[in-house]
Amino acid sequence: MRLPEDLTVEGVRDSLAWRLGYAGPCVFSLLQVFLLLFVYRYESPLFYILNDDTETARRALEKIYPDEEDVTQVLDEVLGNQKSMSGESIIGSLYDTYKRAFWIGLLIPAIQQLTGINALMFYAPVIFSAGGKRDAGLVRVLTLITMIDNFVFTLVSAFISDKLGRKKLFIYGSLGCGISLLMAAVGASNPSTGKEMQTFDWIFAISLYVFVAFFGLSHGPAW
């Protein structure tokens, strides 16, 4: 998608390009609503079982497992699990069983967001434009490099994570993200005021690219 020529606040505000970026996902939202209303119209099987509607639960399971000739065994397992736990103890029992996995699954996405990656990816044109003073063509190139950087290193991680170890990647990736952000702070401490990038500007930009690379190798993939 083409960035606006004028990267000042007024120029970005009046541009149509960023609005299209937000409007695009509406298509998938509407598709999801259509599918839920007309293709798969059921709640979860457990919902129907908890509401004493076993027959509808069976039909929902038949939708989920279309290759199963008889879903009776699956239904019996769900009914057995539900009967073995009272309504008050379901959450407690699940938490006791999966407590470690629960906190890992909660904290890793939280840390992923707290790295600040979304601010960089969403506002890269504004960050690199230095308040609209920098050349728009250069800003496009710098922003494109950010996106390619994220894509490439996330793809690399998918191939090496199981070979090197996810925990090791996560530790070294987090360390790399922290150091590169410190370097970015150094680069941002003395920005240039003209259209051309100076030494500190390049330190800032390269540090952000290193940060994105470490993020892609560690936090970026779906854990």
C-alpha atoms as a PDB file:
ATOM      1  CA  MET A   1       0.000   0.000   0.000  1.00  0.00           C
ATOM      2  CA  ARG A   2       1.406   3.390  -0.990  1.00  0.00           C
ATOM      3  CA  LEU A   3       2.299   5.791   1.805  1.00  0.00           C
ATOM      4  CA  PRO A   4       1.091   9.401   1.600  1.00  0.00           C
ATOM      5  CA  GLU A   5       3.476  11.869  -0.012  1.00  0.00           C
ATOM      6  CA  ASP A   6       3.041  14.306   2.868  1.00  0.00           C
ATOM      7  CA  LEU A   7       4.061  12.587   6.114  1.00  0.00           C
ATOM      8  CA  THR A   8       3.204  15.477   8.393  1.00  0.00           C
ATOM      9  CA  VAL A   9       0.301  15.045  10.827  1.00  0.00           C
ATOM     10  CA  GLU A  10      -2.008  16.883   8.434  1.00  0.00           C
ATOM     11  CA  GLY A  11      -0.831  14.877   5.442  1.00  0.00           C
ATOM     12  CA  VAL A  12      -1.333  11.521   7.127  1.00  0.00           C
ATOM     13  CA  ARG A  13      -4.710  12.637   8.469  1.00  0.00           C
ATOM     14  CA  ASP A  14      -5.952  13.567   4.999  1.00  0.00           C
ATOM     15  CA  SER A  15      -4.558  10.452   3.302  1.00  0.00           C
ATOM     16  CA  LEU A  16      -6.772   7.562   2.239  1.00  0.00           C
ATOM     17  CA  ALA A  17      -4.018   4.927   2.332  1.00  0.00           C
ATOM     18  CA  TRP A  18      -3.956   4.230   6.072  1.00  0.00           C
ATOM     19  CA  ARG A  19      -7.759   4.159   6.197  1.00  0.00           C
ATOM     20  CA  LEU A  20      -7.793   1.345   3.642  1.00  0.00           C
ATOM     21  CA  GLY A  21      -5.412  -0.603   5.882  1.00  0.00           C
ATOM     22  CA  TYR A  22      -8.021  -0.549   8.625  1.00  0.00           C
ATOM     23  CA  ALA A  23     -10.980  -1.076   6.299  1.00  0.00           C
ATOM     24  CA  GLY A  24      -9.503  -4.250   4.753  1.00  0.00           C
ATOM     25  CA  PRO A  25      -9.980  -6.447   7.843  1.00  0.00           C
ATOM     26  CA  CYS A  26     -13.688  -5.541   7.808  1.00  0.00           C
ATOM     27  CA  VAL A  27     -14.072  -7.967   4.908  1.00  0.00           C
ATOM     28  CA  PHE A  28     -12.805 -10.851   7.041  1.00  0.00           C
ATOM     29  CA  SER A  29     -14.973  -9.775   9.983  1.00  0.00           C
ATOM     30  CA  LEU A  30     -18.062  -9.826   7.781  1.00  0.00           C
ATOM     31  CA  LEU A  31     -17.015 -13.196   6.363  1.00  0.00           C
ATOM     32  CA  GLN A  32     -16.699 -14.579   9.884  1.00  0.00           C
ATOM     33  CA  VAL A  33     -20.167 -13.304  10.792  1.00  0.00           C
ATOM     34  CA  PHE A  34     -21.600 -14.874   7.617  1.00  0.00           C
ATOM     35  CA  LEU A  35     -19.974 -18.240   8.334  1.00  0.00           C
ATOM     36  CA  LEU A  36     -21.196 -18.271  11.936  1.00  0.00           C
ATOM     37  CA  LEU A  37     -24.744 -17.351  10.913  1.00  0.00           C
ATOM     38  CA  PHE A  38     -25.186 -19.552   7.863  1.00  0.00           C
ATOM     39  CA  VAL A  39     -22.492 -22.270   7.748  1.00  0.00           C
ATOM     40  CA  TYR A  40     -21.692 -23.270  11.321  1.00  0.00           C
ATOM     41  CA  ARG A  41     -24.655 -22.113  13.389  1.00  0.00           C
ATOM     42  CA  TYR A  42     -23.933 -24.026  16.578  1.00  0.00           C
ATOM     43  CA  GLU A  43     -22.471 -23.092  19.928  1.00  0.00           C
ATOM     44  CA  SER A  44     -19.824 -25.391  21.408  1.00  0.00           C
ATOM     45  CA  PRO A  45     -20.987 -28.937  22.241  1.00  0.00           C
ATOM     46  CA  LEU A  46     -20.220 -28.320  25.926  1.00  0.00           C
ATOM     47  CA  PHE A  47     -22.571 -25.325  25.902  1.00  0.00           C
ATOM     48  CA  TYR A  48     -25.469 -27.559  24.858  1.00  0.00           C
ATOM     49  CA  ILE A  49     -24.523 -30.283  27.322  1.00  0.00           C
ATOM     50  CA  LEU A  50     -24.466 -27.798  30.202  1.00  0.00           C
ATOM     51  CA  ASN A  51     -27.924 -26.674  29.063  1.00  0.00           C
ATOM     52  CA  ASP A  52     -29.247 -30.272  28.913  1.00  0.00           C
ATOM     53  CA  ASP A  53     -29.561 -30.296  25.119  1.00  0.00           C
ATOM     54  CA  THR A  54     -27.685 -33.484  24.254  1.00  0.00           C
ATOM     55  CA  GLU A  55     -29.234 -33.888  20.814  1.00  0.00           C
ATOM     56  CA  THR A  56     -28.054 -30.480  19.599  1.00  0.00           C
ATOM     57  CA  ALA A  57     -24.646 -31.230  21.116  1.00  0.00           C
ATOM     58  CA  ARG A  58     -24.553 -34.375  18.962  1.00  0.00           C
ATOM     59  CA  ARG A  59     -25.337 -32.373  15.809  1.00  0.00           C
ATOM     60  CA  ALA A  60     -22.616 -29.871  16.686  1.00  0.00           C
ATOM     61  CA  LEU A  61     -20.112 -32.704  17.122  1.00  0.00           C
ATOM     62  CA  GLU A  62     -21.123 -34.127  13.753  1.00  0.00           C
ATOM     63  CA  LYS A  63     -20.242 -30.766  12.206  1.00  0.00           C
ATOM     64  CA  ILE A  64     -16.883 -30.721  13.986  1.00  0.00           C
ATOM     65  CA  TYR A  65     -16.072 -34.363  13.131  1.00  0.00           C
ATOM     66  CA  PRO A  66     -17.632 -34.885   9.674  1.00  0.00           C
ATOM     67  CA  ASP A  67     -15.485 -37.967   8.989  1.00  0.00           C
ATOM     68  CA  GLU A  68     -16.725 -39.790  12.083  1.00  0.00           C
ATOM     69  CA  GLU A  69     -19.536 -42.213  11.285  1.00  0.00           C
ATOM     70  CA  ASP A  70     -20.722 -42.114  14.877  1.00  0.00           C
ATOM     71  CA  VAL A  71     -19.847 -39.374  17.343  1.00  0.00           C
ATOM     72  CA  THR A  72     -21.431 -41.234  20.247  1.00  0.00           C
ATOM     73  CA  GLN A  73     -18.047 -42.108  21.756  1.00  0.00           C
ATOM     74  CA  VAL A  74     -16.902 -38.480  21.622  1.00  0.00           C
ATOM     75  CA  LEU A  75     -20.199 -37.340  23.120  1.00  0.00           C
ATOM     76  CA  ASP A  76     -19.957 -39.937  25.894  1.00  0.00           C
ATOM     77  CA  GLU A  77     -16.448 -38.724  26.750  1.00  0.00           C
ATOM     78  CA  VAL A  78     -17.629 -35.120  26.988  1.00  0.00           C
ATOM     79  CA  LEU A  79     -20.612 -36.171  29.106  1.00  0.00           C
ATOM     80  CA  GLY A  80     -18.368 -38.261  31.345  1.00  0.00           C
ATOM     81  CA  ASN A  81     -15.921 -35.411  31.882  1.00  0.00           C
ATOM     82  CA  GLN A  82     -18.741 -33.019  32.603  1.00  0.00           C
ATOM     83  CA  LYS A  83     -20.363 -35.336  35.148  1.00  0.00           C
ATOM     84  CA  SER A  84     -17.064 -35.963  36.915  1.00  0.00           C
ATOM     85  CA  MET A  85     -16.763 -32.277  37.799  1.00  0.00           C
ATOM     86  CA  SER A  86     -19.381 -30.163  39.512  1.00  0.00           C
ATOM     87  CA  GLY A  87     -20.136 -26.720  38.098  1.00  0.00           C
ATOM     88  CA  GLU A  88     -18.231 -25.059  40.932  1.00  0.00           C
ATOM     89  CA  SER A  89     -15.073 -27.118  40.480  1.00  0.00           C
ATOM     90  CA  ILE A  90     -14.622 -27.067  36.687  1.00  0.00           C
ATOM     91  CA  ILE A  91     -12.501 -23.916  36.602  1.00  0.00           C
ATOM     92  CA  GLY A  92     -10.545 -24.915  39.701  1.00  0.00           C
ATOM     93  CA  SER A  93      -9.823 -28.400  38.360  1.00  0.00           C
ATOM     94  CA  LEU A  94      -8.676 -27.097  35.000  1.00  0.00           C
ATOM     95  CA  TYR A  95      -6.493 -24.460  36.656  1.00  0.00           C
ATOM     96  CA  ASP A  96      -4.854 -27.006  38.953  1.00  0.00           C
ATOM     97  CA  THR A  97      -4.144 -29.291  36.005  1.00  0.00           C
ATOM     98  CA  TYR A  98      -2.893 -26.681  33.551  1.00  0.00           C
ATOM     99  CA  LYS A  99      -1.619 -23.964  35.919  1.00  0.00           C
ATOM    100  CA  ARG A 100       1.897 -23.850  34.485  1.00  0.00           C
ATOM    101  CA  ALA A 101       0.672 -23.870  30.870  1.00  0.00           C
ATOM    102  CA  PHE A 102      -1.884 -21.191  31.742  1.00  0.00           C
ATOM    103  CA  TRP A 103       0.692 -18.729  33.048  1.00  0.00           C
ATOM    104  CA  ILE A 104       3.132 -19.436  30.224  1.00  0.00           C
ATOM    105  CA  GLY A 105       0.355 -18.904  27.681  1.00  0.00           C
ATOM    106  CA  LEU A 106      -0.654 -15.685  29.411  1.00  0.00           C
ATOM    107  CA  LEU A 107       2.750 -14.123  30.025  1.00  0.00           C
ATOM    108  CA  ILE A 108       4.440 -14.814  26.675  1.00  0.00           C
ATOM    109  CA  PRO A 109       1.841 -12.909  24.594  1.00  0.00           C
ATOM    110  CA  ALA A 110       1.861 -10.135  27.224  1.00  0.00           C
ATOM    111  CA  ILE A 111       5.646  -9.804  26.996  1.00  0.00           C
ATOM    112  CA  GLN A 112       5.351  -9.906  23.208  1.00  0.00           C
ATOM    113  CA  GLN A 113       3.092  -6.845  23.236  1.00  0.00           C
ATOM    114  CA  LEU A 114       5.118  -5.016  25.898  1.00  0.00           C
ATOM    115  CA  THR A 115       8.220  -5.074  23.681  1.00  0.00           C
ATOM    116  CA  GLY A 116       6.643  -2.237  21.699  1.00  0.00           C
ATOM    117  CA  ILE A 117       6.694  -4.038  18.355  1.00  0.00           C
ATOM    118  CA  ASN A 118       3.205  -2.848  17.419  1.00  0.00           C
ATOM    119  CA  ALA A 119       4.130   0.798  17.910  1.00  0.00           C
ATOM    120  CA  LEU A 120       7.087   0.328  15.569  1.00  0.00           C
ATOM    121  CA  MET A 121       5.223  -1.631  12.894  1.00  0.00           C
ATOM    122  CA  PHE A 122       2.145   0.623  12.885  1.00  0.00           C
ATOM    123  CA  TYR A 123       3.950   3.953  13.108  1.00  0.00           C
ATOM    124  CA  ALA A 124       7.187   3.210  11.257  1.00  0.00           C
ATOM    125  CA  PRO A 125       6.485   5.879   8.572  1.00  0.00           C
ATOM    126  CA  VAL A 126       5.892   8.522  11.234  1.00  0.00           C
ATOM    127  CA  ILE A 127       8.922   7.412  13.287  1.00  0.00           C
ATOM    128  CA  PHE A 128      11.280   7.492  10.309  1.00  0.00           C
ATOM    129  CA  SER A 129       9.856  10.726   8.903  1.00  0.00           C
ATOM    130  CA  ALA A 130      11.309  12.789  11.795  1.00  0.00           C
ATOM    131  CA  GLY A 131       8.177  14.891  12.077  1.00  0.00           C
ATOM    132  CA  GLY A 132       7.690  15.168   8.322  1.00  0.00           C
ATOM    133  CA  LYS A 133      11.109  16.690   7.631  1.00  0.00           C
ATOM    134  CA  ARG A 134      12.677  13.646   5.977  1.00  0.00           C
ATOM    135  CA  ASP A 135      12.330  12.750   2.306  1.00  0.00           C
ATOM    136  CA  ALA A 136       9.169  10.718   1.683  1.00  0.00           C
ATOM    137  CA  GLY A 137      10.964   8.290  -0.666  1.00  0.00           C
ATOM    138  CA  LEU A 138      13.589   7.491   1.949  1.00  0.00           C
ATOM    139  CA  VAL A 139      10.862   6.960   4.552  1.00  0.00           C
ATOM    140  CA  ARG A 140       9.149   4.437   2.265  1.00  0.00           C
ATOM    141  CA  VAL A 141      12.375   2.476   1.852  1.00  0.00           C
ATOM    142  CA  LEU A 142      13.101   2.462   5.592  1.00  0.00           C
ATOM    143  CA  THR A 143       9.549   1.315   6.350  1.00  0.00           C
ATOM    144  CA  LEU A 144       9.672  -1.411   3.696  1.00  0.00           C
ATOM    145  CA  ILE A 145      12.938  -2.730   5.155  1.00  0.00           C
ATOM    146  CA  THR A 146      11.224  -2.973   8.564  1.00  0.00           C
ATOM    147  CA  MET A 147       8.422  -5.117   7.147  1.00  0.00           C
ATOM    148  CA  ILE A 148      10.774  -7.359   5.160  1.00  0.00           C
ATOM    149  CA  ASP A 149      13.025  -7.701   8.209  1.00  0.00           C
ATOM    150  CA  ASN A 150      10.120  -8.899  10.354  1.00  0.00           C
ATOM    151  CA  PHE A 151       8.869 -11.328   7.709  1.00  0.00           C
ATOM    152  CA  VAL A 152      12.271 -12.879   6.964  1.00  0.00           C
ATOM    153  CA  PHE A 153      13.352 -13.472  10.560  1.00  0.00           C
ATOM    154  CA  THR A 154       9.947 -14.780  11.624  1.00  0.00           C
ATOM    155  CA  LEU A 155      10.170 -17.241   8.735  1.00  0.00           C
ATOM    156  CA  VAL A 156      13.708 -18.236   9.749  1.00  0.00           C
ATOM    157  CA  SER A 157      12.525 -18.859  13.303  1.00  0.00           C
ATOM    158  CA  ALA A 158       9.880 -21.295  12.077  1.00  0.00           C
ATOM    159  CA  PHE A 159      12.653 -23.491  10.650  1.00  0.00           C
ATOM    160  CA  ILE A 160      15.205 -23.271  13.458  1.00  0.00           C
ATOM    161  CA  SER A 161      13.106 -23.027  16.633  1.00  0.00           C
ATOM    162  CA  ASP A 162      12.811 -26.777  17.169  1.00  0.00           C
ATOM    163  CA  LYS A 163      16.452 -27.395  16.246  1.00  0.00           C
ATOM    164  CA  LEU A 164      17.960 -24.745  18.533  1.00  0.00           C
ATOM    165  CA  GLY A 165      15.292 -24.865  21.215  1.00  0.00           C
ATOM    166  CA  ARG A 166      12.429 -22.445  21.752  1.00  0.00           C
ATOM    167  CA  LYS A 167      13.536 -21.525  25.267  1.00  0.00           C
ATOM    168  CA  LYS A 168      17.050 -20.676  24.091  1.00  0.00           C
ATOM    169  CA  LEU A 169      15.692 -18.555  21.245  1.00  0.00           C
ATOM    170  CA  PHE A 170      13.347 -16.790  23.622  1.00  0.00           C
ATOM    171  CA  ILE A 171      16.124 -15.956  26.095  1.00  0.00           C
ATOM    172  CA  TYR A 172      18.634 -14.718  23.524  1.00  0.00           C
ATOM    173  CA  GLY A 173      15.923 -12.968  21.522  1.00  0.00           C
ATOM    174  CA  SER A 174      14.713 -11.058  24.580  1.00  0.00           C
ATOM    175  CA  LEU A 175      18.287 -10.079  25.415  1.00  0.00           C
ATOM    176  CA  GLY A 176      18.876  -8.915  21.837  1.00  0.00           C
ATOM    177  CA  CYS A 177      15.642  -6.904  21.842  1.00  0.00           C
ATOM    178  CA  GLY A 178      16.664  -5.138  25.042  1.00  0.00           C
ATOM    179  CA  ILE A 179      20.183  -4.248  23.861  1.00  0.00           C
ATOM    180  CA  SER A 180      19.002  -3.065  20.443  1.00  0.00           C
ATOM    181  CA  LEU A 181      16.343  -0.840  22.021  1.00  0.00           C
ATOM    182  CA  LEU A 182      19.019   0.712  24.252  1.00  0.00           C
ATOM    183  CA  MET A 183      21.074   1.431  21.135  1.00  0.00           C
ATOM    184  CA  ALA A 184      17.981   2.896  19.462  1.00  0.00           C
ATOM    185  CA  ALA A 185      17.574   5.201  22.447  1.00  0.00           C
ATOM    186  CA  VAL A 186      21.177   6.348  21.985  1.00  0.00           C
ATOM    187  CA  GLY A 187      20.534   7.016  18.295  1.00  0.00           C
ATOM    188  CA  ALA A 188      17.341   8.935  19.080  1.00  0.00           C
ATOM    189  CA  SER A 189      19.137  11.139  21.603  1.00  0.00           C
ATOM    190  CA  ASN A 190      20.685  13.328  18.915  1.00  0.00           C
ATOM    191  CA  PRO A 191      18.427  13.338  15.825  1.00  0.00           C
ATOM    192  CA  SER A 192      19.191  15.456  12.785  1.00  0.00           C
ATOM    193  CA  THR A 193      16.916  18.318  11.852  1.00  0.00           C
ATOM    194  CA  GLY A 194      17.334  18.119   8.078  1.00  0.00           C
ATOM    195  CA  LYS A 195      16.119  15.830   5.324  1.00  0.00           C
ATOM    196  CA  GLU A 196      19.337  13.803   5.194  1.00  0.00           C
ATOM    197  CA  MET A 197      20.086  11.111   7.771  1.00  0.00           C
ATOM    198  CA  GLN A 198      23.140  11.640   9.949  1.00  0.00           C
ATOM    199  CA  THR A 199      25.196   9.188  12.044  1.00  0.00           C
ATOM    200  CA  PHE A 200      22.816   9.057  14.998  1.00  0.00           C
ATOM    201  CA  ASP A 201      19.854   8.623  12.676  1.00  0.00           C
ATOM    202  CA  TRP A 202      21.481   5.564  11.121  1.00  0.00           C
ATOM    203  CA  ILE A 203      22.303   4.169  14.574  1.00  0.00           C
ATOM    204  CA  PHE A 204      18.631   4.583  15.442  1.00  0.00           C
ATOM    205  CA  ALA A 205      17.362   2.944  12.236  1.00  0.00           C
ATOM    206  CA  ILE A 206      19.811   0.021  12.290  1.00  0.00           C
ATOM    207  CA  SER A 207      19.106  -0.603  15.981  1.00  0.00           C
ATOM    208  CA  LEU A 208      15.399  -0.841  15.195  1.00  0.00           C
ATOM    209  CA  TYR A 209      16.116  -3.325  12.414  1.00  0.00           C
ATOM    210  CA  VAL A 210      18.188  -5.422  14.817  1.00  0.00           C
ATOM    211  CA  PHE A 211      15.331  -5.243  17.335  1.00  0.00           C
ATOM    212  CA  VAL A 212      12.816  -6.424  14.733  1.00  0.00           C
ATOM    213  CA  ALA A 213      15.166  -9.272  13.748  1.00  0.00           C
ATOM    214  CA  PHE A 214      15.532 -10.493  17.334  1.00  0.00           C
ATOM    215  CA  PHE A 215      11.788 -10.117  17.846  1.00  0.00           C
ATOM    216  CA  GLY A 216      11.071 -12.186  14.756  1.00  0.00           C
ATOM    217  CA  LEU A 217      13.447 -14.927  15.908  1.00  0.00           C
ATOM    218  CA  SER A 218      11.982 -15.168  19.402  1.00  0.00           C
ATOM    219  CA  HIS A 219       8.698 -13.441  20.229  1.00  0.00           C
ATOM    220  CA  GLY A 220       7.327 -13.182  16.724  1.00  0.00           C
ATOM    221  CA  PRO A 221       6.230 -16.756  15.898  1.00  0.00           C
ATOM    222  CA  ALA A 222       3.091 -18.228  17.435  1.00  0.00           C
ATOM    223  CA  TRP A 223       4.254 -20.087  20.529  1.00  0.00           C
END
